[in-house]
Structures are given as C-alpha cells and as structure tokens.
C-alpha atoms as a PDB file:
ATOM      1  CA  MET A   1     -10.887  -3.986   4.003  1.00  0.00           C
ATOM      2  CA  VAL A   2     -12.939  -6.394   1.940  1.00  0.00           C
ATOM      3  CA  ILE A   3     -16.708  -6.314   1.877  1.00  0.00           C
ATOM      4  CA  THR A   4     -18.629  -8.883  -0.105  1.00  0.00           C
ATOM      5  CA  ILE A   5     -22.131  -8.251  -1.362  1.00  0.00           C
ATOM      6  CA  GLN A   6     -23.993 -11.175  -2.879  1.00  0.00           C
ATOM      7  CA  VAL A   7     -27.271 -10.952  -4.713  1.00  0.00           C
ATOM      8  CA  GLN A   8     -29.078 -13.919  -6.222  1.00  0.00           C
ATOM      9  CA  LYS A   9     -32.246 -14.124  -8.232  1.00  0.00           C
ATOM     10  CA  GLU A  10     -35.186 -14.580  -5.895  1.00  0.00           C
ATOM     11  CA  SER A  11     -37.172 -16.431  -8.514  1.00  0.00           C
ATOM     12  CA  GLU A  12     -36.820 -17.571 -12.081  1.00  0.00           C
ATOM     13  CA  THR A  13     -39.169 -14.827 -13.259  1.00  0.00           C
ATOM     14  CA  GLU A  14     -37.156 -11.960 -11.725  1.00  0.00           C
ATOM     15  CA  SER A  15     -35.655  -9.763 -14.399  1.00  0.00           C
ATOM     16  CA  ASN A  16     -31.988  -8.886 -14.646  1.00  0.00           C
ATOM     17  CA  LEU A  17     -32.824  -5.210 -14.252  1.00  0.00           C
ATOM     18  CA  SER A  18     -34.459  -5.726 -10.858  1.00  0.00           C
ATOM     19  CA  LEU A  19     -31.470  -7.843  -9.799  1.00  0.00           C
ATOM     20  CA  ILE A  20     -29.085  -5.020 -10.724  1.00  0.00           C
ATOM     21  CA  LYS A  21     -31.281  -2.507  -8.879  1.00  0.00           C
ATOM     22  CA  ARG A  22     -31.215  -4.660  -5.725  1.00  0.00           C
ATOM     23  CA  PHE A  23     -27.448  -4.992  -5.962  1.00  0.00           C
ATOM     24  CA  SER A  24     -26.915  -1.251  -6.397  1.00  0.00           C
ATOM     25  CA  ARG A  25     -29.287  -0.538  -3.492  1.00  0.00           C
ATOM     26  CA  ARG A  26     -27.282  -2.840  -1.195  1.00  0.00           C
ATOM     27  CA  LEU A  27     -24.068  -1.265  -2.413  1.00  0.00           C
ATOM     28  CA  LYS A  28     -25.436   2.180  -1.573  1.00  0.00           C
ATOM     29  CA  GLU A  29     -26.650   1.077   1.870  1.00  0.00           C
ATOM     30  CA  ALA A  30     -23.251  -0.395   2.707  1.00  0.00           C
ATOM     31  CA  GLY A  31     -21.599   2.927   1.801  1.00  0.00           C
ATOM     32  CA  ILE A  32     -18.829   1.271  -0.196  1.00  0.00           C
ATOM     33  CA  LEU A  33     -19.058   3.487  -3.246  1.00  0.00           C
ATOM     34  CA  SER A  34     -19.213   6.760  -1.305  1.00  0.00           C
ATOM     35  CA  GLU A  35     -16.215   5.728   0.796  1.00  0.00           C
ATOM     36  CA  ALA A  36     -14.209   4.807  -2.297  1.00  0.00           C
ATOM     37  CA  LYS A  37     -15.016   8.164  -3.901  1.00  0.00           C
ATOM     38  CA  ALA A  38     -14.003  10.003  -0.719  1.00  0.00           C
ATOM     39  CA  ARG A  39     -10.646   8.201  -0.592  1.00  0.00           C
ATOM     40  CA  ARG A  40      -9.998   8.652  -4.291  1.00  0.00           C
ATOM     41  CA  TYR A  41      -7.896  11.825  -4.177  1.00  0.00           C
ATOM     42  CA  THR A  42      -6.536  11.779  -0.640  1.00  0.00           C
ATOM     43  CA  ALA A  43      -2.831  11.121  -0.431  1.00  0.00           C
ATOM     44  CA  ARG A  44      -1.266   9.091   2.306  1.00  0.00           C
ATOM     45  CA  PRO A  45       0.958  11.048   4.698  1.00  0.00           C
ATOM     46  CA  LEU A  46       4.683  10.640   4.154  1.00  0.00           C
ATOM     47  CA  SER A  47       6.657   8.514   6.569  1.00  0.00           C
ATOM     48  CA  ALA A  48       9.127  10.184   8.911  1.00  0.00           C
ATOM     49  CA  TYR A  49      12.007   8.618   6.962  1.00  0.00           C
ATOM     50  CA  LYS A  50      10.864  10.102   3.649  1.00  0.00           C
ATOM     51  CA  LYS A  51      10.282  13.548   5.208  1.00  0.00           C
ATOM     52  CA  LYS A  52      13.777  13.521   6.657  1.00  0.00           C
ATOM     53  CA  LYS A  53      15.285  12.376   3.368  1.00  0.00           C
ATOM     54  CA  GLN A  54      13.533  15.181   1.438  1.00  0.00           C
ATOM     55  CA  ALA A  55      14.611  17.786   3.998  1.00  0.00           C
ATOM     56  CA  LEU A  56      18.255  16.675   3.779  1.00  0.00           C
ATOM     57  CA  LYS A  57      18.109  16.811  -0.013  1.00  0.00           C
ATOM     58  CA  ARG A  58      16.666  20.338   0.136  1.00  0.00           C
ATOM     59  CA  LEU A  59      19.399  21.493   2.525  1.00  0.00           C
ATOM     60  CA  GLU A  60      22.103  20.014   0.311  1.00  0.00           C
ATOM     61  CA  ARG A  61      20.743  21.790  -2.790  1.00  0.00           C
ATOM     62  CA  ARG A  62      20.553  25.075  -0.871  1.00  0.00           C
ATOM     63  CA  ARG A  63      24.175  24.728   0.316  1.00  0.00           C
ATOM     64  CA  GLU A  64      25.345  23.971  -3.223  1.00  0.00           C
ATOM     65  CA  PHE A  65      23.448  26.971  -4.590  1.00  0.00           C
ATOM     66  CA  GLU A  66      24.954  29.297  -1.963  1.00  0.00           C
ATOM     67  CA  ARG A  67      28.456  27.922  -2.645  1.00  0.00           C
ATOM     68  CA  LEU A  68      28.132  28.486  -6.399  1.00  0.00           C
ATOM     69  CA  ASN A  69      26.642  31.935  -5.818  1.00  0.00           C
ATOM     70  CA  LYS A  70      29.605  32.969  -3.621  1.00  0.00           C
ATOM     71  CA  LEU A  71      32.064  31.747  -6.260  1.00  0.00           C
ATOM     72  CA  GLY A  72      30.182  33.607  -8.982  1.00  0.00           C
ATOM     73  CA  LEU A  73      29.645  30.473 -11.026  1.00  0.00           C
ATOM     74  CA  LEU A  74      25.893  30.857 -11.414  1.00  0.00           C
ATOM     75  CA  ASN A  75      24.461  32.047 -14.678  1.00  0.00           C
ATOM     76  CA  GLU A  76      21.765  34.502 -13.773  1.00  0.00           C
ATOM     77  CA  VAL A  77      18.899  33.950 -16.147  1.00  0.00           C
ATOM     78  CA  ARG A  78      16.021  36.350 -15.907  1.00  0.00           C
ATOM     79  CA  TYR A  79      12.659  35.285 -17.225  1.00  0.00           C
ATOM     80  CA  LYS A  80      10.241  37.738 -18.719  1.00  0.00           C
ATOM     81  CA  LYS A  81       6.768  37.874 -17.308  1.00  0.00           C
ATOM     82  CA  SER A  82       4.348  37.356 -20.134  1.00  0.00           C
END
C-alpha cells in the first residue's frame, strides 16, 4: 500500500518550519505513522506448509530422543538452579 503526500510552499515567504508542520499534520490526518507503528511488532502468521514442516521436525526429534533414551545412550545432565 503506497500513499503519497505532497506539500509545496504556498508562497515564497512561507517558512520551512511551517511547511514541515503542514506536512506532519497531513501525515497525522492520513494515519500513516500510527498504522506503521501498530504493524511494527506484529508477526505474520506462518503458512500451513511451514507449520507442517515444523511439526514433522518436532516429531522426528521426539522419536530420536525416545529411541536414545530406551537404548540408554543419553547423558543425563542435571543443571543446578541458581
């Protein structure tokens, strides 16, 4: 989505500060900045393919862990709570 906001000097005597104020006012009215800030930290949902791929990977790791546990090949490392 592309939104273009153009602001030109109304007269030769208009200061740059008033031009910037008009631009920021139009930006605020359009809601562009607030929408960008709202979308900033939201993550896109994963596709069905990626969800399935992650689930299969998880199942495979679990099977491998159970297999090694049954064979007694796992080194049990206990971590201290500090």
